[in-house]
């Protein structure tokens, strides 16, 4: 039933001005033209979309909320370097089967692919992730 529908990652924010500055200036996302919504802002991200909206529940999720995924190591490295240069601080944590090279996690997935990833939080504490698998 839902397999034919397109999901949209949805993130709450307690301060839309601060969120827009982070998503546009720090992450480099552009507002999706023609998709205005009085409750929030849509951003086009590759073939997906991200919706950021005002909510009193912002930052209450303690798990990864959005993943930006690639299968290109150069694109991953470029994204990580760009985030670092913009002052983004990466998160580390203990997770079975995951190894850390500085702030970058590495692992082998169940299907034998290699994976590298970083995690970071937006100004409301929503946890975001950039990853590469191949």
Foldseek 3Di string as FASTA:
>chain_A
DCPVPADEQEAEDQDQVLQCCCCCVQQVWDFDPPPDDPFFTWTDQPPHIYTYGYDPCGQVDPDAREEREDQDPVVLVVSVVSNVVSPFDWDDDDDPQWDDDDQWIWGADPVGKIKIKTWTAGPRNRIYMYMHID
